[in-house]
């Protein structure tokens, strides 16, 4: 299938891009500027597109994103340290973000006569993010079937939606994803912080997958403390 990948530049979406390039016909990567506190990750998406030899579109929805207030990812609110299984991580929710991005991605896919849009939501996102759960993915597909009826048929691919992040690391390694050229950290410093929820989850995933993590972290060992109370093991 001719497939567009929604790519933030993070570990999950870049790994997905390499998987789709190997298994389908990758026709491009789509990134979004939604007013996030830093745009470093988008640079890594651009690197992925260049390596894979496909176009990279950056869609500016900042005028919309600035109204989606209350998140540590868009507002002047401290990003909490710790594990995603903590209630404090709900401050990182950007309301309806995936629904907005996917709606735009499906419009682009239909206009370009693509067969599918792929997104890297995964099982570890379910606790915090309602628009990363299987129910959302299924409902969105149903909505788009109606929205594009008679014009286009676009499938939403979410191959990681039921699996833990460690499985994404394994899939990424299988397809030679350059993990060092991906950016997960919410804080946007010189190095990935190693303390925010997405850094902790990233470091834990490599550990559980049994694969070397090439990432440079400001605090490379914090994940051990952060995951201690949550039994860091395969589900």
Foldseek 3Di string as FASTA:
>chain_A
DAEEEAFLQALQRLLVQLLCVVVHPYAEYEYEDQQFPDRVSVVLVVVSCVVSVHYYYYHYNNVVSVVQDQAPGHDVDDFAFFAPLDPSNLSHDRPCVVVVVVVVVVVVCLVVQHAEYEYRQACSCVNRYVCSAPVNQVVSQVVVCVVQPPRHHYHYHHPHSYAAVLVSVVSSVVSVRPNQSGDFASPPDPFRACTGHRNLSVLLSCVQNVHDHPGDHVDNPVSCVRCVVVPSYGD
